Amino acid sequence: MSNYTIYTIGDIDFVYTAFNGIALIFSSHGSNEWLRFAAYAAAIGLFYKSMKWVLAPTKNDVPIFSWIMGLLFYSIAVIKADVTLESVKTGEVRNIDDVPLFIASTGELTTGLLHGLITDWRAAFDPLTPVGQVT
């Protein structure tokens, strides 16, 4: 498992609770309703696409390909990653285990990019000496 860092500027307790809830939804020891919903949705989707293919006169689109793509996208949600939440204001750090990879990677990508840009802008536009003072 890889570790992802997500930066927060607000209340770290709120973000920590939200990520714990997301991890619980996709965990194996939590409620299995999500897995049951995904199985029902996959079965209904495959049945619908198959019936649409049988009734279509041209038979261009084979329904199994879109079903396999849905299975691949769902597997991205099943792969787990560890997330480290870091508060930009206070420096407090909290760890969360078993967050879905898609959520962890997009969170790190967006917050890491913005944190890097803000750090660079702060370094570029912070005056080294106060305005009007000549050394």
Protein backbone atom coordinates (compact mmCIF):
# COMPACT_ATOMS: atom_id res chain seq x y z
CA MET A 1 0.00 0.00 0.00
CA SER A 2 1.16 3.48 -0.74
CA ASN A 3 0.81 6.52 1.45
CA TYR A 4 -0.85 9.70 0.18
CA THR A 5 -0.68 13.12 1.84
CA ILE A 6 -3.72 15.39 1.70
CA TYR A 7 -3.42 18.98 2.95
CA THR A 8 -6.31 20.71 4.72
CA ILE A 9 -6.77 24.39 5.49
CA GLY A 10 -9.98 24.03 7.47
CA ASP A 11 -10.97 21.94 10.45
CA ILE A 12 -8.94 18.73 10.37
CA ASP A 13 -11.52 16.94 12.55
CA PHE A 14 -14.19 17.35 9.86
CA VAL A 15 -11.93 16.05 7.08
CA TYR A 16 -10.74 13.17 9.30
CA THR A 17 -14.33 12.16 10.03
CA ALA A 18 -15.27 12.34 6.34
CA PHE A 19 -12.35 10.15 5.27
CA ASN A 20 -13.07 7.66 8.04
CA GLY A 21 -16.65 7.43 6.76
CA ILE A 22 -15.45 6.86 3.20
CA ALA A 23 -13.04 4.17 4.41
CA LEU A 24 -15.85 2.49 6.36
CA ILE A 25 -18.17 2.46 3.35
CA PHE A 26 -15.59 0.63 1.24
CA SER A 27 -14.20 -1.60 4.02
CA SER A 28 -14.78 -5.32 4.28
CA HIS A 29 -15.63 -5.20 8.00
CA GLY A 30 -18.21 -2.44 7.64
CA SER A 31 -21.57 -2.63 5.95
CA ASN A 32 -21.60 -4.79 2.84
CA GLU A 33 -24.50 -2.85 1.33
CA TRP A 34 -22.13 -1.04 -1.04
CA LEU A 35 -20.88 -4.33 -2.47
CA ARG A 36 -24.42 -5.65 -2.82
CA PHE A 37 -25.52 -2.43 -4.55
CA ALA A 38 -22.58 -2.68 -6.97
CA ALA A 39 -23.42 -6.31 -7.76
CA TYR A 40 -27.08 -5.46 -8.41
CA ALA A 41 -26.15 -2.47 -10.56
CA ALA A 42 -23.69 -4.57 -12.58
CA ALA A 43 -26.26 -7.32 -13.14
CA ILE A 44 -29.01 -4.89 -14.14
CA GLY A 45 -26.61 -2.99 -16.40
CA LEU A 46 -25.46 -6.18 -18.13
CA PHE A 47 -29.07 -7.34 -18.58
CA TYR A 48 -30.12 -3.94 -19.98
CA LYS A 49 -27.18 -3.74 -22.39
CA SER A 50 -27.73 -7.35 -23.52
CA MET A 51 -31.42 -6.75 -24.23
CA LYS A 52 -30.57 -3.53 -26.06
CA TRP A 53 -28.00 -5.42 -28.14
CA VAL A 54 -30.44 -8.25 -28.95
CA LEU A 55 -33.11 -5.79 -30.11
CA ALA A 56 -30.71 -3.57 -32.10
CA PRO A 57 -30.78 -4.24 -35.85
CA THR A 58 -27.12 -3.35 -36.52
CA LYS A 59 -25.42 -5.26 -33.65
CA ASN A 60 -22.48 -2.82 -33.56
CA ASP A 61 -21.79 -2.47 -29.84
CA VAL A 62 -21.07 -5.66 -27.88
CA PRO A 63 -22.43 -5.10 -24.33
CA ILE A 64 -19.69 -6.96 -22.48
CA PHE A 65 -17.07 -4.27 -23.17
CA SER A 66 -18.89 -1.54 -21.27
CA TRP A 67 -19.56 -3.99 -18.43
CA ILE A 68 -15.85 -4.84 -18.21
CA MET A 69 -14.99 -1.12 -18.13
CA GLY A 70 -17.43 -0.65 -15.26
CA LEU A 71 -15.79 -3.54 -13.45
CA LEU A 72 -12.37 -1.93 -13.94
CA PHE A 73 -13.60 1.41 -12.59
CA TYR A 74 -15.15 -0.33 -9.60
CA SER A 75 -11.87 -2.14 -8.92
CA ILE A 76 -10.18 1.25 -8.59
CA ALA A 77 -12.53 1.91 -5.67
CA VAL A 78 -11.69 -1.46 -4.12
CA ILE A 79 -7.89 -0.95 -4.04
CA LYS A 80 -6.96 0.62 -0.71
CA ALA A 81 -4.35 3.22 0.24
CA ASP A 82 -3.17 4.91 3.42
CA VAL A 83 -3.82 8.64 3.73
CA THR A 84 -2.02 11.19 5.88
CA LEU A 85 -4.00 14.35 6.58
CA GLU A 86 -1.88 17.41 7.31
CA SER A 87 -3.29 20.72 8.49
CA VAL A 88 -1.57 23.65 6.81
CA LYS A 89 -2.54 26.05 9.61
CA THR A 90 -1.66 24.02 12.71
CA GLY A 91 0.69 21.36 11.32
CA GLU A 92 -1.37 18.59 12.93
CA VAL A 93 -1.03 15.20 11.21
CA ARG A 94 -3.51 12.30 11.28
CA ASN A 95 -3.38 8.93 9.52
CA ILE A 96 -6.27 7.02 7.97
CA ASP A 97 -6.03 3.46 6.65
CA ASP A 98 -7.94 1.77 3.83
CA VAL A 99 -9.19 4.76 1.83
CA PRO A 100 -10.05 3.89 -1.80
CA LEU A 101 -7.16 4.58 -4.16
CA PHE A 102 -9.17 6.81 -6.51
CA ILE A 103 -10.22 9.16 -3.70
CA ALA A 104 -6.75 9.20 -2.11
CA SER A 105 -4.90 9.88 -5.36
CA THR A 106 -7.23 12.65 -6.56
CA GLY A 107 -7.12 14.25 -3.11
CA GLU A 108 -3.33 14.21 -3.07
CA LEU A 109 -3.12 15.48 -6.63
CA THR A 110 -5.37 18.49 -6.09
CA THR A 111 -4.28 19.50 -2.60
CA GLY A 112 -0.60 18.82 -3.31
CA LEU A 113 -0.73 20.96 -6.44
CA LEU A 114 -2.46 23.84 -4.67
CA HIS A 115 -0.17 23.58 -1.62
CA GLY A 116 2.89 23.66 -3.90
CA LEU A 117 1.57 26.65 -5.84
CA ILE A 118 0.77 28.60 -2.69
CA THR A 119 4.21 27.83 -1.26
CA ASP A 120 5.89 28.98 -4.49
CA TRP A 121 3.77 32.13 -4.69
CA ARG A 122 4.53 32.94 -1.08
CA ALA A 123 8.26 32.54 -1.73
CA ALA A 124 8.12 34.56 -4.96
CA PHE A 125 5.98 37.45 -3.79
CA ASP A 126 7.07 37.81 -0.17
CA PRO A 127 9.44 40.73 0.02
CA LEU A 128 12.80 39.89 1.54
CA THR A 129 13.07 43.33 3.06
CA PRO A 130 10.26 45.68 4.01
CA VAL A 131 9.28 48.22 1.38
CA GLY A 132 11.17 51.49 1.75
CA GLN A 133 14.03 50.02 3.76
CA VAL A 134 17.34 49.99 1.93
CA THR A 135 20.20 47.93 3.26
